[in-house]
Structure formats: structure tokens, C-alpha cells
């Protein structure tokens, strides 16, 4: 009887430990998902300063280029990388997200906004 009880407790502990391992893996996956960004670049071909977004920002007149505290990203983007699984819309009028627009497909890149007539126009970023 004691042997069956000990085996049952051991099995229960093993199952509980396995469950904790799964919880750890889920947390790691969530961290990975949070590490994906939509990135605007100041220059063509992903050059110059960049601004990273993990969600919508409807007013880029208060969004600094990453690592800067003196230059805003508004109307300054010339290329982008969309490392997310979401469509991302850009507009040239902030707050209302209206006017001329550009839509980035999930997991896509654009090395030059000039060919889309959207160079240096982004004032609103919205995950769709």
C-alpha cells in the first residue's frame, strides 16, 4: 500500500513538473512574440535612424527616433520593415489617421517609399 501511495505521489510530482515546464515554454513564446516590431527607417534601404513600433501610434510628432531625444519620426520615414504578422497602415495626417495612406503587408519590407509616393509622409502608424 505504501509503495502504491509513493508511486502515485511520484507520478503526480512528475506531471506537475511537466506542467511547469510547459508554462515556461509558453512564457518564452510570448516574449518572442513581443520582440517583433514594425520599423520605420529615416533613409532608403533601411539606413539612418529608425523607430520601432509594437503597436499603434497615431501621432508621430511626439515619437522620437530610437536612441534620440531631439528628433521626431514624423514625416521622416523613407523605408520600413514589418516584422509582425499584422497589416500596418501609415497615414500622412496624425491623430485622425487620414489623408494619403500606405499599407504594409505582414512580414514585408519596402526599401524605398518613393516608389509608393509616400516618402517622408508618415505621421500615423496603426496596426490593422
C-alpha atoms as a PDB file:
ATOM      1  CA  UNK A   1       0.000   0.000   0.000  1.00  0.00           C
ATOM      2  CA  UNK A   2       2.796   2.410   0.927  1.00  0.00           C
ATOM      3  CA  UNK A   3       4.548   1.571  -2.331  1.00  0.00           C
ATOM      4  CA  UNK A   4       1.417   2.415  -4.412  1.00  0.00           C
ATOM      5  CA  UNK A   5       0.989   5.667  -2.495  1.00  0.00           C
ATOM      6  CA  UNK A   6       4.633   6.655  -3.025  1.00  0.00           C
ATOM      7  CA  UNK A   7       4.394   5.790  -6.725  1.00  0.00           C
ATOM      8  CA  UNK A   8       1.207   7.846  -7.038  1.00  0.00           C
ATOM      9  CA  UNK A   9       2.809  10.848  -5.336  1.00  0.00           C
ATOM     10  CA  UNK A  10       5.905  10.493  -7.554  1.00  0.00           C
ATOM     11  CA  UNK A  11       3.753  10.364 -10.677  1.00  0.00           C
ATOM     12  CA  UNK A  12       1.785  13.394  -9.515  1.00  0.00           C
ATOM     13  CA  UNK A  13       5.015  15.321  -8.900  1.00  0.00           C
ATOM     14  CA  UNK A  14       6.308  14.357 -12.339  1.00  0.00           C
ATOM     15  CA  UNK A  15       3.105  15.552 -14.014  1.00  0.00           C
ATOM     16  CA  UNK A  16       3.170  18.800 -12.031  1.00  0.00           C
ATOM     17  CA  UNK A  17       6.794  19.372 -13.045  1.00  0.00           C
ATOM     18  CA  UNK A  18       5.930  18.758 -16.684  1.00  0.00           C
ATOM     19  CA  UNK A  19       3.133  21.293 -16.432  1.00  0.00           C
ATOM     20  CA  UNK A  20       5.540  23.878 -15.062  1.00  0.00           C
ATOM     21  CA  UNK A  21       7.875  23.202 -17.961  1.00  0.00           C
ATOM     22  CA  UNK A  22       5.066  23.875 -20.404  1.00  0.00           C
ATOM     23  CA  UNK A  23       4.220  27.143 -18.657  1.00  0.00           C
ATOM     24  CA  UNK A  24       7.839  28.221 -19.028  1.00  0.00           C
ATOM     25  CA  UNK A  25       7.802  27.482 -22.738  1.00  0.00           C
ATOM     26  CA  UNK A  26       4.604  29.457 -23.206  1.00  0.00           C
ATOM     27  CA  UNK A  27       6.163  32.455 -21.462  1.00  0.00           C
ATOM     28  CA  UNK A  28       9.219  32.232 -23.683  1.00  0.00           C
ATOM     29  CA  UNK A  29       6.996  32.170 -26.776  1.00  0.00           C
ATOM     30  CA  UNK A  30       5.134  35.236 -25.545  1.00  0.00           C
ATOM     31  CA  UNK A  31       8.420  37.047 -25.050  1.00  0.00           C
ATOM     32  CA  UNK A  32       9.414  36.152 -28.626  1.00  0.00           C
ATOM     33  CA  UNK A  33       6.121  37.449 -29.975  1.00  0.00           C
ATOM     34  CA  UNK A  34       6.597  40.733 -28.108  1.00  0.00           C
ATOM     35  CA  UNK A  35      10.026  41.096 -29.684  1.00  0.00           C
ATOM     36  CA  UNK A  36       8.579  41.601 -33.182  1.00  0.00           C
ATOM     37  CA  UNK A  37       8.250  45.155 -34.405  1.00  0.00           C
ATOM     38  CA  UNK A  38       7.193  47.344 -37.268  1.00  0.00           C
ATOM     39  CA  UNK A  39      10.211  49.550 -38.006  1.00  0.00           C
ATOM     40  CA  UNK A  40      10.401  52.834 -39.921  1.00  0.00           C
ATOM     41  CA  UNK A  41      13.799  53.978 -41.218  1.00  0.00           C
ATOM     42  CA  UNK A  42      14.877  57.526 -41.905  1.00  0.00           C
ATOM     43  CA  UNK A  43      16.667  56.692 -45.167  1.00  0.00           C
ATOM     44  CA  UNK A  44      16.136  54.408 -48.148  1.00  0.00           C
ATOM     45  CA  UNK A  45      17.471  50.849 -47.867  1.00  0.00           C
ATOM     46  CA  UNK A  46      16.846  50.723 -44.087  1.00  0.00           C
ATOM     47  CA  UNK A  47      19.501  53.318 -43.321  1.00  0.00           C
ATOM     48  CA  UNK A  48      19.827  56.141 -40.840  1.00  0.00           C
ATOM     49  CA  UNK A  49      17.836  56.346 -37.643  1.00  0.00           C
ATOM     50  CA  UNK A  50      14.899  54.049 -37.007  1.00  0.00           C
ATOM     51  CA  UNK A  51      11.700  53.994 -34.935  1.00  0.00           C
ATOM     52  CA  UNK A  52      10.270  50.702 -33.667  1.00  0.00           C
ATOM     53  CA  UNK A  53       6.578  50.045 -33.023  1.00  0.00           C
ATOM     54  CA  UNK A  54       4.967  47.114 -31.212  1.00  0.00           C
ATOM     55  CA  UNK A  55       1.523  48.711 -31.522  1.00  0.00           C
ATOM     56  CA  UNK A  56      -0.280  51.692 -32.991  1.00  0.00           C
ATOM     57  CA  UNK A  57       0.994  55.249 -32.542  1.00  0.00           C
ATOM     58  CA  UNK A  58      -1.400  57.745 -34.058  1.00  0.00           C
ATOM     59  CA  UNK A  59       0.750  60.836 -33.508  1.00  0.00           C
ATOM     60  CA  UNK A  60       4.373  60.651 -34.621  1.00  0.00           C
ATOM     61  CA  UNK A  61       5.019  64.299 -33.764  1.00  0.00           C
ATOM     62  CA  UNK A  62       5.885  63.019 -30.279  1.00  0.00           C
ATOM     63  CA  UNK A  63       7.674  59.780 -31.285  1.00  0.00           C
ATOM     64  CA  UNK A  64      11.453  60.098 -31.179  1.00  0.00           C
ATOM     65  CA  UNK A  65      13.707  58.065 -33.416  1.00  0.00           C
ATOM     66  CA  UNK A  66      15.064  55.197 -31.285  1.00  0.00           C
ATOM     67  CA  UNK A  67      18.005  56.424 -29.205  1.00  0.00           C
ATOM     68  CA  UNK A  68      17.212  60.101 -29.838  1.00  0.00           C
ATOM     69  CA  UNK A  69      15.639  62.734 -27.637  1.00  0.00           C
ATOM     70  CA  UNK A  70      15.814  65.574 -30.121  1.00  0.00           C
ATOM     71  CA  UNK A  71      14.384  64.366 -33.453  1.00  0.00           C
ATOM     72  CA  UNK A  72      10.851  63.138 -34.072  1.00  0.00           C
ATOM     73  CA  UNK A  73       9.982  60.439 -36.612  1.00  0.00           C
ATOM     74  CA  UNK A  74       7.011  62.350 -38.054  1.00  0.00           C
ATOM     75  CA  UNK A  75       7.305  62.924 -41.819  1.00  0.00           C
ATOM     76  CA  UNK A  76      10.788  61.426 -41.827  1.00  0.00           C
ATOM     77  CA  UNK A  77      10.472  57.784 -42.922  1.00  0.00           C
ATOM     78  CA  UNK A  78      11.817  56.516 -46.237  1.00  0.00           C
ATOM     79  CA  UNK A  79      11.752  52.714 -45.774  1.00  0.00           C
ATOM     80  CA  UNK A  80      10.246  50.069 -43.487  1.00  0.00           C
ATOM     81  CA  UNK A  81      10.410  46.502 -42.214  1.00  0.00           C
ATOM     82  CA  UNK A  82       7.235  44.873 -40.967  1.00  0.00           C
ATOM     83  CA  UNK A  83       8.430  42.009 -38.752  1.00  0.00           C
ATOM     84  CA  UNK A  84       4.911  41.378 -37.426  1.00  0.00           C
ATOM     85  CA  UNK A  85       2.077  39.140 -38.504  1.00  0.00           C
ATOM     86  CA  UNK A  86      -0.196  42.203 -38.856  1.00  0.00           C
ATOM     87  CA  UNK A  87      -1.042  44.617 -41.620  1.00  0.00           C
ATOM     88  CA  UNK A  88       0.183  48.090 -40.645  1.00  0.00           C
ATOM     89  CA  UNK A  89      -1.319  51.271 -42.053  1.00  0.00           C
ATOM     90  CA  UNK A  90       0.511  54.592 -42.361  1.00  0.00           C
ATOM     91  CA  UNK A  91      -1.172  57.954 -42.955  1.00  0.00           C
ATOM     92  CA  UNK A  92       0.159  61.432 -43.561  1.00  0.00           C
ATOM     93  CA  UNK A  93      -2.232  63.138 -41.113  1.00  0.00           C
ATOM     94  CA  UNK A  94      -1.630  62.217 -37.482  1.00  0.00           C
ATOM     95  CA  UNK A  95      -4.289  61.790 -34.776  1.00  0.00           C
ATOM     96  CA  UNK A  96      -7.111  61.221 -37.291  1.00  0.00           C
ATOM     97  CA  UNK A  97      -5.016  58.805 -39.365  1.00  0.00           C
ATOM     98  CA  UNK A  98      -6.351  60.253 -42.591  1.00  0.00           C
ATOM     99  CA  UNK A  99      -5.106  61.628 -45.890  1.00  0.00           C
ATOM    100  CA  UNK A 100      -2.647  59.803 -48.110  1.00  0.00           C
ATOM    101  CA  UNK A 101      -2.010  56.268 -46.902  1.00  0.00           C
ATOM    102  CA  UNK A 102       0.274  53.279 -47.243  1.00  0.00           C
ATOM    103  CA  UNK A 103      -0.354  49.709 -46.091  1.00  0.00           C
ATOM    104  CA  UNK A 104       2.442  47.297 -45.189  1.00  0.00           C
ATOM    105  CA  UNK A 105       1.636  43.599 -45.513  1.00  0.00           C
ATOM    106  CA  UNK A 106       2.566  41.250 -42.666  1.00  0.00           C
ATOM    107  CA  UNK A 107       6.239  40.205 -42.651  1.00  0.00           C
ATOM    108  CA  UNK A 108       7.217  42.517 -45.514  1.00  0.00           C
ATOM    109  CA  UNK A 109       9.833  45.121 -46.372  1.00  0.00           C
ATOM    110  CA  UNK A 110       9.946  48.246 -48.534  1.00  0.00           C
ATOM    111  CA  UNK A 111      13.376  49.717 -49.155  1.00  0.00           C
ATOM    112  CA  UNK A 112      12.119  52.957 -50.731  1.00  0.00           C
ATOM    113  CA  UNK A 113       8.814  54.751 -50.088  1.00  0.00           C
ATOM    114  CA  UNK A 114       9.435  56.982 -53.125  1.00  0.00           C
ATOM    115  CA  UNK A 115       8.062  54.340 -55.483  1.00  0.00           C
ATOM    116  CA  UNK A 116       4.780  54.466 -53.495  1.00  0.00           C
ATOM    117  CA  UNK A 117       4.640  58.260 -53.324  1.00  0.00           C
ATOM    118  CA  UNK A 118       4.877  58.058 -49.526  1.00  0.00           C
ATOM    119  CA  UNK A 119       8.440  59.218 -48.859  1.00  0.00           C
ATOM    120  CA  UNK A 120       8.704  61.393 -45.716  1.00  0.00           C
ATOM    121  CA  UNK A 121       4.911  61.418 -45.132  1.00  0.00           C
ATOM    122  CA  UNK A 122       4.223  59.009 -42.262  1.00  0.00           C
ATOM    123  CA  UNK A 123       2.517  60.760 -39.333  1.00  0.00           C
ATOM    124  CA  UNK A 124       0.339  57.926 -38.030  1.00  0.00           C
ATOM    125  CA  UNK A 125       1.076  54.189 -37.546  1.00  0.00           C
ATOM    126  CA  UNK A 126      -1.874  51.893 -36.936  1.00  0.00           C
ATOM    127  CA  UNK A 127      -1.796  48.103 -36.607  1.00  0.00           C
ATOM    128  CA  UNK A 128      -4.798  46.810 -38.530  1.00  0.00           C
END
